[in-house]
Amino acid sequence: MLVVQNGLHSDAVMTLGTEPVIIGSGPQATMALLDEGIAAQHVSIKPQPERAFLLQALAPDVVVNMVPLPSGESTIVTAPATLRLGPVSLHLGSDDILASSPETFTRAVEDIPTTKRKINPTLMIVGGMAAVLMLVVIQALSHSAPPARRTDMASVSHTPDPSAAQPVPQLVSDAELGHLVVRELTKNNLPELRVSASSGVIIIDGSLSAQEMKTFREVEKWFDASFGTQAVWVSNVSPAPAIAPVDVPIQAVWTGKNPNIVVHSQRYRVGTEIVTGLSLFEIRKHTVIMHKGLQPINFNY
């Protein structure tokens, strides 16, 4: 079992089966993470016997149990284990896997008696005679019909079906749809909202000010007009209580490995408290997100 511990898909859970799982941000990923810094195919996880897993790094910035795993290399770990892909941390646990044995189905087929697999010759003869009789009746009816009626039937049969000419809308994958929603929210200065996409359902979590809620409603209208016929929009966004303005003099921002900010010549990493009640939640491109209690506060740089 995989549990996402932070980022856009915090608390998302995926049950592992017997097939390999690819985690990344691209359309080929089995589990899509849309956070900044996640490659299209970032890591491969293949279940092994005895609660073990074979991990292969498909991109840089993969850390397994606090040990970096270079791109292209593999390692075997036993659950529970911790993974970090760029800015996203995951917990790798184990659960019972039930799989049907192909031999069960093979034996079920082999148990069918040979006499039941063969086609009865008598049924074949009766079926053939019925088909010939049906053709004779159809020909007799067609010759006895008036010419005008046959013309009407021909004209109806050649009338094109308007519904057949309608183009079929092309469906968008969950990962691509999630990317589009995140991009639209970021374009409207709402990057602090969390987005998850699964089985054609888009779930939005977070809280916004009264002014931001107006902007969020416009994004909802955009989604309904663009994807309302093929996906479902679920909003868990609530109005945030008004808070006093917060002034944090950010002197520098580092978005590479181990992202951090500098305030009053002091370096702070994600998860640390800047001042009492104000903690650093996430660092994105051009945006630093802090939390005061449960209220997100954005600082653009």
C-alpha atoms as a PDB file:
ATOM      1  CA  MET A   1       0.000   0.000   0.000  1.00  0.00           C
ATOM      2  CA  LEU A   2       1.255   3.484  -0.940  1.00  0.00           C
ATOM      3  CA  VAL A   3       0.277   6.561   1.101  1.00  0.00           C
ATOM      4  CA  VAL A   4       1.146  10.099  -0.086  1.00  0.00           C
ATOM      5  CA  GLN A   5       2.238  12.132   2.942  1.00  0.00           C
ATOM      6  CA  ASN A   6       2.466  15.689   1.557  1.00  0.00           C
ATOM      7  CA  GLY A   7       2.023  17.838  -1.549  1.00  0.00           C
ATOM      8  CA  LEU A   8      -0.976  18.192  -3.867  1.00  0.00           C
ATOM      9  CA  HIS A   9      -2.152  14.609  -3.262  1.00  0.00           C
ATOM     10  CA  SER A  10      -1.592  14.439   0.506  1.00  0.00           C
ATOM     11  CA  ASP A  11      -3.322  11.415   2.155  1.00  0.00           C
ATOM     12  CA  ALA A  12      -3.977   9.707  -1.218  1.00  0.00           C
ATOM     13  CA  VAL A  13      -3.807   5.884  -0.899  1.00  0.00           C
ATOM     14  CA  MET A  14      -3.084   3.243  -3.559  1.00  0.00           C
ATOM     15  CA  THR A  15      -3.285  -0.526  -3.010  1.00  0.00           C
ATOM     16  CA  LEU A  16      -0.489  -2.494  -4.685  1.00  0.00           C
ATOM     17  CA  GLY A  17      -1.298  -5.655  -6.614  1.00  0.00           C
ATOM     18  CA  THR A  18       1.079  -8.084  -8.287  1.00  0.00           C
ATOM     19  CA  GLU A  19       1.943  -5.893 -11.300  1.00  0.00           C
ATOM     20  CA  PRO A  20       4.672  -3.212 -11.335  1.00  0.00           C
ATOM     21  CA  VAL A  21       3.545   0.332 -10.538  1.00  0.00           C
ATOM     22  CA  ILE A  22       5.047   3.475 -12.096  1.00  0.00           C
ATOM     23  CA  ILE A  23       4.791   6.749 -10.171  1.00  0.00           C
ATOM     24  CA  GLY A  24       5.170  10.002 -12.112  1.00  0.00           C
ATOM     25  CA  SER A  25       3.392  12.976 -13.636  1.00  0.00           C
ATOM     26  CA  GLY A  26       2.951  11.686 -17.199  1.00  0.00           C
ATOM     27  CA  PRO A  27      -0.018   9.925 -18.815  1.00  0.00           C
ATOM     28  CA  GLN A  28       1.755   6.534 -18.626  1.00  0.00           C
ATOM     29  CA  ALA A  29       2.071   6.703 -14.821  1.00  0.00           C
ATOM     30  CA  THR A  30       0.018   4.213 -12.806  1.00  0.00           C
ATOM     31  CA  MET A  31      -0.100   6.706  -9.906  1.00  0.00           C
ATOM     32  CA  ALA A  32      -0.090  10.336 -11.072  1.00  0.00           C
ATOM     33  CA  LEU A  33       1.573  13.018  -8.903  1.00  0.00           C
ATOM     34  CA  LEU A  34       1.169  16.525 -10.294  1.00  0.00           C
ATOM     35  CA  ASP A  35       3.603  18.308  -7.962  1.00  0.00           C
ATOM     36  CA  GLU A  36       6.490  20.412  -9.302  1.00  0.00           C
ATOM     37  CA  GLY A  37       9.680  18.377  -9.678  1.00  0.00           C
ATOM     38  CA  ILE A  38       7.987  15.031 -10.429  1.00  0.00           C
ATOM     39  CA  ALA A  39       9.190  13.451 -13.702  1.00  0.00           C
ATOM     40  CA  ALA A  40       6.800  11.811 -16.189  1.00  0.00           C
ATOM     41  CA  GLN A  41       8.079   8.415 -14.959  1.00  0.00           C
ATOM     42  CA  HIS A  42       9.920   8.903 -11.665  1.00  0.00           C
ATOM     43  CA  VAL A  43      10.135   5.489  -9.972  1.00  0.00           C
ATOM     44  CA  SER A  44       9.011   1.885 -10.586  1.00  0.00           C
ATOM     45  CA  ILE A  45       7.762  -0.359  -7.748  1.00  0.00           C
ATOM     46  CA  LYS A  46       7.469  -4.131  -8.286  1.00  0.00           C
ATOM     47  CA  PRO A  47       6.064  -6.291  -5.431  1.00  0.00           C
ATOM     48  CA  GLN A  48       8.231  -9.260  -4.403  1.00  0.00           C
ATOM     49  CA  PRO A  49       7.582 -12.220  -2.050  1.00  0.00           C
ATOM     50  CA  GLU A  50       7.774 -11.837   1.732  1.00  0.00           C
ATOM     51  CA  ARG A  51       6.574  -8.177   1.850  1.00  0.00           C
ATOM     52  CA  ALA A  52       9.531  -7.046  -0.280  1.00  0.00           C
ATOM     53  CA  PHE A  53       9.508  -4.524  -3.137  1.00  0.00           C
ATOM     54  CA  LEU A  54      11.934  -3.939  -6.030  1.00  0.00           C
ATOM     55  CA  LEU A  55      12.408  -0.188  -6.536  1.00  0.00           C
ATOM     56  CA  GLN A  56      14.008   1.277  -9.687  1.00  0.00           C
ATOM     57  CA  ALA A  57      14.769   4.986  -9.998  1.00  0.00           C
ATOM     58  CA  LEU A  58      13.632   6.224 -13.428  1.00  0.00           C
ATOM     59  CA  ALA A  59      14.633   9.854 -12.762  1.00  0.00           C
ATOM     60  CA  PRO A  60      16.963  11.784 -10.435  1.00  0.00           C
ATOM     61  CA  ASP A  61      16.044  12.865  -6.880  1.00  0.00           C
ATOM     62  CA  VAL A  62      14.805   9.505  -5.497  1.00  0.00           C
ATOM     63  CA  VAL A  63      15.506   8.748  -1.814  1.00  0.00           C
ATOM     64  CA  VAL A  64      14.707   5.344  -0.238  1.00  0.00           C
ATOM     65  CA  ASN A  65      14.827   5.098   3.567  1.00  0.00           C
ATOM     66  CA  MET A  66      16.925   8.293   3.720  1.00  0.00           C
ATOM     67  CA  VAL A  67      19.442   6.856   1.179  1.00  0.00           C
ATOM     68  CA  PRO A  68      19.633   8.437  -2.337  1.00  0.00           C
ATOM     69  CA  LEU A  69      18.947   6.018  -5.214  1.00  0.00           C
ATOM     70  CA  PRO A  70      20.657   7.224  -8.441  1.00  0.00           C
ATOM     71  CA  SER A  71      18.653   7.243 -11.657  1.00  0.00           C
ATOM     72  CA  GLY A  72      18.711   3.873 -13.446  1.00  0.00           C
ATOM     73  CA  GLU A  73      19.675   1.882 -10.340  1.00  0.00           C
ATOM     74  CA  SER A  74      17.486  -0.548  -8.365  1.00  0.00           C
ATOM     75  CA  THR A  75      17.197  -1.717  -4.777  1.00  0.00           C
ATOM     76  CA  ILE A  76      15.018  -4.139  -2.776  1.00  0.00           C
ATOM     77  CA  VAL A  77      13.338  -2.990   0.446  1.00  0.00           C
ATOM     78  CA  THR A  78      11.005  -4.659   2.929  1.00  0.00           C
ATOM     79  CA  ALA A  79       7.805  -2.917   4.022  1.00  0.00           C
ATOM     80  CA  PRO A  80       7.361  -0.610   5.799  1.00  0.00           C
ATOM     81  CA  ALA A  81       9.640   1.846   3.987  1.00  0.00           C
ATOM     82  CA  THR A  82       9.751   5.557   3.147  1.00  0.00           C
ATOM     83  CA  LEU A  83      10.230   7.111  -0.302  1.00  0.00           C
ATOM     84  CA  ARG A  84      10.874  10.679  -1.370  1.00  0.00           C
ATOM     85  CA  LEU A  85      10.403  11.744  -4.998  1.00  0.00           C
ATOM     86  CA  GLY A  86      11.502  15.352  -5.325  1.00  0.00           C
ATOM     87  CA  PRO A  87       9.367  17.299  -2.809  1.00  0.00           C
ATOM     88  CA  VAL A  88       6.858  14.452  -2.236  1.00  0.00           C
ATOM     89  CA  SER A  89       7.186  11.881   0.569  1.00  0.00           C
ATOM     90  CA  LEU A  90       5.424   8.490   0.429  1.00  0.00           C
ATOM     91  CA  HIS A  91       4.973   5.618   2.880  1.00  0.00           C
ATOM     92  CA  LEU A  92       5.316   2.101   1.453  1.00  0.00           C
ATOM     93  CA  GLY A  93       3.396  -0.482   3.469  1.00  0.00           C
ATOM     94  CA  SER A  94       2.224  -4.024   2.821  1.00  0.00           C
ATOM     95  CA  ASP A  95      -1.225  -5.518   2.494  1.00  0.00           C
ATOM     96  CA  ASP A  96      -2.642  -8.936   1.607  1.00  0.00           C
ATOM     97  CA  ILE A  97      -2.715  -9.604  -2.107  1.00  0.00           C
ATOM     98  CA  LEU A  98      -5.307 -11.982  -3.486  1.00  0.00           C
ATOM     99  CA  ALA A  99      -4.705 -13.343  -6.966  1.00  0.00           C
ATOM    100  CA  SER A 100      -6.538 -15.975  -8.948  1.00  0.00           C
ATOM    101  CA  SER A 101      -4.393 -18.815 -10.260  1.00  0.00           C
ATOM    102  CA  PRO A 102      -4.626 -19.386 -14.016  1.00  0.00           C
ATOM    103  CA  GLU A 103      -4.439 -23.143 -13.284  1.00  0.00           C
ATOM    104  CA  THR A 104      -7.889 -22.961 -11.645  1.00  0.00           C
ATOM    105  CA  PHE A 105      -9.459 -21.762 -14.855  1.00  0.00           C
ATOM    106  CA  THR A 106      -7.474 -24.258 -16.944  1.00  0.00           C
ATOM    107  CA  ARG A 107      -8.732 -27.164 -14.829  1.00  0.00           C
ATOM    108  CA  ALA A 108     -12.312 -25.873 -15.073  1.00  0.00           C
ATOM    109  CA  VAL A 109     -12.106 -25.946 -18.861  1.00  0.00           C
ATOM    110  CA  GLU A 110     -10.486 -29.369 -18.911  1.00  0.00           C
ATOM    111  CA  ASP A 111     -13.287 -30.801 -16.717  1.00  0.00           C
ATOM    112  CA  ILE A 112     -15.920 -30.128 -19.425  1.00  0.00           C
ATOM    113  CA  PRO A 113     -16.791 -33.484 -21.080  1.00  0.00           C
ATOM    114  CA  THR A 114     -15.684 -33.900 -24.674  1.00  0.00           C
ATOM    115  CA  THR A 115     -19.251 -34.730 -25.791  1.00  0.00           C
ATOM    116  CA  LYS A 116     -20.430 -31.308 -24.631  1.00  0.00           C
ATOM    117  CA  ARG A 117     -17.716 -29.499 -26.551  1.00  0.00           C
ATOM    118  CA  LYS A 118     -18.813 -30.980 -29.906  1.00  0.00           C
ATOM    119  CA  ILE A 119     -21.625 -29.477 -31.950  1.00  0.00           C
ATOM    120  CA  ASN A 120     -24.644 -31.774 -32.427  1.00  0.00           C
ATOM    121  CA  PRO A 121     -24.903 -32.701 -36.182  1.00  0.00           C
ATOM    122  CA  THR A 122     -28.715 -32.876 -35.957  1.00  0.00           C
ATOM    123  CA  LEU A 123     -28.857 -29.262 -34.768  1.00  0.00           C
ATOM    124  CA  MET A 124     -26.640 -28.210 -37.690  1.00  0.00           C
ATOM    125  CA  ILE A 125     -29.016 -29.839 -40.232  1.00  0.00           C
ATOM    126  CA  VAL A 126     -32.137 -28.296 -38.656  1.00  0.00           C
ATOM    127  CA  GLY A 127     -30.480 -24.867 -38.499  1.00  0.00           C
ATOM    128  CA  GLY A 128     -29.476 -25.034 -42.167  1.00  0.00           C
ATOM    129  CA  MET A 129     -32.995 -25.968 -43.282  1.00  0.00           C
ATOM    130  CA  ALA A 130     -34.465 -23.093 -41.230  1.00  0.00           C
ATOM    131  CA  ALA A 131     -32.079 -20.609 -42.855  1.00  0.00           C
ATOM    132  CA  VAL A 132     -33.011 -21.772 -46.376  1.00  0.00           C
ATOM    133  CA  LEU A 133     -36.739 -21.554 -45.577  1.00  0.00           C
ATOM    134  CA  MET A 134     -36.304 -18.016 -44.239  1.00  0.00           C
ATOM    135  CA  LEU A 135     -34.565 -16.894 -47.462  1.00  0.00           C
ATOM    136  CA  VAL A 136     -37.424 -18.312 -49.569  1.00  0.00           C
ATOM    137  CA  VAL A 137     -40.051 -16.441 -47.508  1.00  0.00           C
ATOM    138  CA  ILE A 138     -38.125 -13.150 -47.743  1.00  0.00           C
ATOM    139  CA  GLN A 139     -37.808 -13.435 -51.535  1.00  0.00           C
ATOM    140  CA  ALA A 140     -41.545 -14.182 -51.887  1.00  0.00           C
ATOM    141  CA  LEU A 141     -42.493 -11.159 -49.805  1.00  0.00           C
ATOM    142  CA  SER A 142     -40.166  -8.865 -51.745  1.00  0.00           C
ATOM    143  CA  HIS A 143     -41.651  -9.941 -55.117  1.00  0.00           C
ATOM    144  CA  SER A 144     -45.240  -9.489 -53.894  1.00  0.00           C
ATOM    145  CA  ALA A 145     -44.688  -5.943 -52.535  1.00  0.00           C
ATOM    146  CA  PRO A 146     -45.944  -2.995 -54.704  1.00  0.00           C
ATOM    147  CA  PRO A 147     -43.210  -1.109 -56.635  1.00  0.00           C
ATOM    148  CA  ALA A 148     -44.073   2.210 -54.963  1.00  0.00           C
ATOM    149  CA  ARG A 149     -43.609   0.657 -51.532  1.00  0.00           C
ATOM    150  CA  ARG A 150     -40.204  -0.762 -52.489  1.00  0.00           C
ATOM    151  CA  THR A 151     -39.132   2.713 -53.649  1.00  0.00           C
ATOM    152  CA  ASP A 152     -40.172   4.226 -50.318  1.00  0.00           C
ATOM    153  CA  MET A 153     -38.265   1.574 -48.411  1.00  0.00           C
ATOM    154  CA  ALA A 154     -35.166   2.162 -50.521  1.00  0.00           C
ATOM    155  CA  SER A 155     -35.283   5.916 -49.947  1.00  0.00           C
ATOM    156  CA  VAL A 156     -35.627   5.424 -46.201  1.00  0.00           C
ATOM    157  CA  SER A 157     -32.780   2.935 -46.054  1.00  0.00           C
ATOM    158  CA  HIS A 158     -30.419   5.364 -47.788  1.00  0.00           C
ATOM    159  CA  THR A 159     -31.245   8.356 -45.573  1.00  0.00           C
ATOM    160  CA  PRO A 160     -28.080   9.157 -43.578  1.00  0.00           C
ATOM    161  CA  ASP A 161     -28.349   9.001 -39.790  1.00  0.00           C
ATOM    162  CA  PRO A 162     -27.586  12.480 -38.398  1.00  0.00           C
ATOM    163  CA  SER A 163     -26.378  11.007 -35.114  1.00  0.00           C
ATOM    164  CA  ALA A 164     -23.771   8.900 -36.935  1.00  0.00           C
ATOM    165  CA  ALA A 165     -22.075  12.029 -38.287  1.00  0.00           C
ATOM    166  CA  GLN A 166     -21.599  13.582 -34.844  1.00  0.00           C
ATOM    167  CA  PRO A 167     -17.903  13.577 -33.808  1.00  0.00           C
ATOM    168  CA  VAL A 168     -17.104  11.576 -30.693  1.00  0.00           C
ATOM    169  CA  PRO A 169     -15.404  13.787 -28.053  1.00  0.00           C
ATOM    170  CA  GLN A 170     -11.895  12.669 -27.198  1.00  0.00           C
ATOM    171  CA  LEU A 171     -11.535  11.706 -23.533  1.00  0.00           C
ATOM    172  CA  VAL A 172      -8.708  13.139 -21.429  1.00  0.00           C
ATOM    173  CA  SER A 173      -6.726  10.943 -19.010  1.00  0.00           C
ATOM    174  CA  ASP A 174      -6.857  11.594 -15.259  1.00  0.00           C
ATOM    175  CA  ALA A 175      -3.239  12.777 -15.170  1.00  0.00           C
ATOM    176  CA  GLU A 176      -3.701  15.183 -18.090  1.00  0.00           C
ATOM    177  CA  LEU A 177      -6.981  16.486 -16.649  1.00  0.00           C
ATOM    178  CA  GLY A 178      -5.308  17.072 -13.284  1.00  0.00           C
ATOM    179  CA  HIS A 179      -2.489  18.991 -14.999  1.00  0.00           C
ATOM    180  CA  LEU A 180      -5.007  21.230 -16.760  1.00  0.00           C
ATOM    181  CA  VAL A 181      -6.878  21.986 -13.520  1.00  0.00           C
ATOM    182  CA  VAL A 182      -3.658  22.780 -11.605  1.00  0.00           C
ATOM    183  CA  ARG A 183      -2.525  25.069 -14.428  1.00  0.00           C
ATOM    184  CA  GLU A 184      -5.880  26.905 -14.438  1.00  0.00           C
ATOM    185  CA  LEU A 185      -5.818  27.353 -10.646  1.00  0.00           C
ATOM    186  CA  THR A 186      -2.238  28.623 -10.738  1.00  0.00           C
ATOM    187  CA  LYS A 187      -3.101  31.028 -13.566  1.00  0.00           C
ATOM    188  CA  ASN A 188      -5.850  32.455 -11.343  1.00  0.00           C
ATOM    189  CA  ASN A 189      -3.490  32.799  -8.331  1.00  0.00           C
ATOM    190  CA  LEU A 190      -4.997  29.833  -6.437  1.00  0.00           C
ATOM    191  CA  PRO A 191      -1.973  27.477  -6.246  1.00  0.00           C
ATOM    192  CA  GLU A 192      -2.518  26.535  -2.585  1.00  0.00           C
ATOM    193  CA  LEU A 193      -5.524  24.322  -3.383  1.00  0.00           C
ATOM    194  CA  ARG A 194      -4.915  20.557  -3.442  1.00  0.00           C
ATOM    195  CA  VAL A 195      -6.006  18.649  -6.566  1.00  0.00           C
ATOM    196  CA  SER A 196      -6.538  14.901  -6.952  1.00  0.00           C
ATOM    197  CA  ALA A 197      -7.751  13.075 -10.075  1.00  0.00           C
ATOM    198  CA  SER A 198      -9.019   9.488 -10.186  1.00  0.00           C
ATOM    199  CA  SER A 199     -11.525   7.595 -12.376  1.00  0.00           C
ATOM    200  CA  GLY A 200     -12.850  10.763 -13.989  1.00  0.00           C
ATOM    201  CA  VAL A 201     -13.419  12.557 -10.665  1.00  0.00           C
ATOM    202  CA  ILE A 202     -11.551  15.791  -9.818  1.00  0.00           C
ATOM    203  CA  ILE A 203     -11.468  16.616  -6.074  1.00  0.00           C
ATOM    204  CA  ILE A 204     -10.394  20.086  -4.879  1.00  0.00           C
ATOM    205  CA  ASP A 205      -9.502  20.656  -1.200  1.00  0.00           C
ATOM    206  CA  GLY A 206      -8.527  23.779   0.712  1.00  0.00           C
ATOM    207  CA  SER A 207      -9.844  27.086   2.017  1.00  0.00           C
ATOM    208  CA  LEU A 208      -9.992  30.535   0.388  1.00  0.00           C
ATOM    209  CA  SER A 209     -10.813  34.105   1.283  1.00  0.00           C
ATOM    210  CA  ALA A 210     -14.090  35.666   0.154  1.00  0.00           C
ATOM    211  CA  GLN A 211     -12.390  37.385  -2.800  1.00  0.00           C
ATOM    212  CA  GLU A 212     -10.570  34.189  -3.800  1.00  0.00           C
ATOM    213  CA  MET A 213     -13.854  32.244  -3.654  1.00  0.00           C
ATOM    214  CA  LYS A 214     -15.235  34.494  -6.420  1.00  0.00           C
ATOM    215  CA  THR A 215     -12.240  33.627  -8.591  1.00  0.00           C
ATOM    216  CA  PHE A 216     -12.656  29.940  -7.727  1.00  0.00           C
ATOM    217  CA  ARG A 217     -16.284  30.007  -8.956  1.00  0.00           C
ATOM    218  CA  GLU A 218     -15.037  31.237 -12.333  1.00  0.00           C
ATOM    219  CA  VAL A 219     -12.631  28.273 -12.489  1.00  0.00           C
ATOM    220  CA  GLU A 220     -15.571  25.946 -11.754  1.00  0.00           C
ATOM    221  CA  LYS A 221     -17.502  27.468 -14.680  1.00  0.00           C
ATOM    222  CA  TRP A 222     -14.459  26.930 -16.921  1.00  0.00           C
ATOM    223  CA  PHE A 223     -14.304  23.244 -15.904  1.00  0.00           C
ATOM    224  CA  ASP A 224     -18.029  22.666 -16.495  1.00  0.00           C
ATOM    225  CA  ALA A 225     -17.831  24.231 -19.953  1.00  0.00           C
ATOM    226  CA  SER A 226     -14.673  22.307 -20.931  1.00  0.00           C
ATOM    227  CA  PHE A 227     -15.019  18.873 -19.280  1.00  0.00           C
ATOM    228  CA  GLY A 228     -18.500  18.732 -17.722  1.00  0.00           C
ATOM    229  CA  THR A 229     -19.618  15.902 -20.024  1.00  0.00           C
ATOM    230  CA  GLN A 230     -16.738  13.530 -19.211  1.00  0.00           C
ATOM    231  CA  ALA A 231     -15.586  14.310 -15.641  1.00  0.00           C
ATOM    232  CA  VAL A 232     -17.058  15.140 -12.232  1.00  0.00           C
ATOM    233  CA  TRP A 233     -15.951  18.178 -10.192  1.00  0.00           C
ATOM    234  CA  VAL A 234     -16.063  17.726  -6.386  1.00  0.00           C
ATOM    235  CA  SER A 235     -15.294  20.864  -4.361  1.00  0.00           C
ATOM    236  CA  ASN A 236     -14.232  20.600  -0.723  1.00  0.00           C
ATOM    237  CA  VAL A 237     -13.156  24.256  -0.676  1.00  0.00           C
ATOM    238  CA  SER A 238     -14.479  26.278   2.266  1.00  0.00           C
ATOM    239  CA  PRO A 239     -14.363  30.031   3.040  1.00  0.00           C
ATOM    240  CA  ALA A 240     -11.395  30.890   5.246  1.00  0.00           C
ATOM    241  CA  PRO A 241     -11.760  33.212   8.256  1.00  0.00           C
ATOM    242  CA  ALA A 242     -10.293  36.668   7.829  1.00  0.00           C
ATOM    243  CA  ILE A 243      -6.815  37.040   9.340  1.00  0.00           C
ATOM    244  CA  ALA A 244      -4.555  39.978   9.920  1.00  0.00           C
ATOM    245  CA  PRO A 245      -1.908  40.617   7.226  1.00  0.00           C
ATOM    246  CA  VAL A 246       1.348  38.747   7.791  1.00  0.00           C
ATOM    247  CA  ASP A 247       4.688  40.299   6.903  1.00  0.00           C
ATOM    248  CA  VAL A 248       7.553  37.837   6.417  1.00  0.00           C
ATOM    249  CA  PRO A 249      10.738  39.364   4.939  1.00  0.00           C
ATOM    250  CA  ILE A 250      11.859  36.521   2.654  1.00  0.00           C
ATOM    251  CA  GLN A 251      15.464  37.210   1.630  1.00  0.00           C
ATOM    252  CA  ALA A 252      16.145  34.167  -0.574  1.00  0.00           C
ATOM    253  CA  VAL A 253      14.359  31.099  -1.971  1.00  0.00           C
ATOM    254  CA  TRP A 254      16.009  27.808  -2.960  1.00  0.00           C
ATOM    255  CA  THR A 255      13.846  25.405  -5.042  1.00  0.00           C
ATOM    256  CA  GLY A 256      16.453  22.742  -5.801  1.00  0.00           C
ATOM    257  CA  LYS A 257      17.335  19.758  -3.645  1.00  0.00           C
ATOM    258  CA  ASN A 258      16.187  20.280  -0.039  1.00  0.00           C
ATOM    259  CA  PRO A 259      14.172  23.447  -0.860  1.00  0.00           C
ATOM    260  CA  ASN A 260      14.298  26.223   1.747  1.00  0.00           C
ATOM    261  CA  ILE A 261      13.926  29.969   2.320  1.00  0.00           C
ATOM    262  CA  VAL A 262      16.016  32.536   4.183  1.00  0.00           C
ATOM    263  CA  VAL A 263      14.322  34.911   6.648  1.00  0.00           C
ATOM    264  CA  HIS A 264      16.382  37.273   8.852  1.00  0.00           C
ATOM    265  CA  SER A 265      19.546  35.440   7.686  1.00  0.00           C
ATOM    266  CA  GLN A 266      18.096  32.163   9.042  1.00  0.00           C
ATOM    267  CA  ARG A 267      17.444  29.168   6.753  1.00  0.00           C
ATOM    268  CA  TYR A 268      14.056  27.390   7.035  1.00  0.00           C
ATOM    269  CA  ARG A 269      13.015  24.124   5.364  1.00  0.00           C
ATOM    270  CA  VAL A 270       9.500  22.839   4.602  1.00  0.00           C
ATOM    271  CA  GLY A 271       7.673  21.904   7.803  1.00  0.00           C
ATOM    272  CA  THR A 272       9.603  24.227  10.117  1.00  0.00           C
ATOM    273  CA  GLU A 273       8.059  27.095  12.075  1.00  0.00           C
ATOM    274  CA  ILE A 274       9.093  30.604  10.984  1.00  0.00           C
ATOM    275  CA  VAL A 275       7.488  32.447  13.895  1.00  0.00           C
ATOM    276  CA  THR A 276       4.985  31.313  16.507  1.00  0.00           C
ATOM    277  CA  GLY A 277       1.934  29.839  14.746  1.00  0.00           C
ATOM    278  CA  LEU A 278       3.351  30.357  11.221  1.00  0.00           C
ATOM    279  CA  SER A 279       5.052  27.404   9.488  1.00  0.00           C
ATOM    280  CA  LEU A 280       6.542  26.829   6.033  1.00  0.00           C
ATOM    281  CA  PHE A 281       4.201  24.450   4.164  1.00  0.00           C
ATOM    282  CA  GLU A 282       5.443  24.286   0.551  1.00  0.00           C
ATOM    283  CA  ILE A 283       7.789  25.999  -1.919  1.00  0.00           C
ATOM    284  CA  ARG A 284       6.656  26.251  -5.539  1.00  0.00           C
ATOM    285  CA  LYS A 285       7.824  28.134  -8.589  1.00  0.00           C
ATOM    286  CA  HIS A 286       7.264  31.854  -7.842  1.00  0.00           C
ATOM    287  CA  THR A 287       5.148  31.038  -4.735  1.00  0.00           C
ATOM    288  CA  VAL A 288       5.960  30.257  -1.086  1.00  0.00           C
ATOM    289  CA  ILE A 289       3.012  28.803   0.870  1.00  0.00           C
ATOM    290  CA  MET A 290       2.887  29.121   4.663  1.00  0.00           C
ATOM    291  CA  HIS A 291       0.198  27.980   7.090  1.00  0.00           C
ATOM    292  CA  LYS A 292      -1.126  29.957  10.026  1.00  0.00           C
ATOM    293  CA  GLY A 293      -3.114  27.269  11.774  1.00  0.00           C
ATOM    294  CA  LEU A 294      -5.121  25.722   8.917  1.00  0.00           C
ATOM    295  CA  GLN A 295      -5.150  28.944   6.867  1.00  0.00           C
ATOM    296  CA  PRO A 296      -2.756  28.965   3.861  1.00  0.00           C
ATOM    297  CA  ILE A 297      -0.906  32.229   3.159  1.00  0.00           C
ATOM    298  CA  ASN A 298       0.808  32.833  -0.200  1.00  0.00           C
ATOM    299  CA  PHE A 299       3.969  34.857  -0.730  1.00  0.00           C
ATOM    300  CA  ASN A 300       4.902  35.537  -4.361  1.00  0.00           C
ATOM    301  CA  TYR A 301       8.534  36.049  -5.316  1.00  0.00           C
END
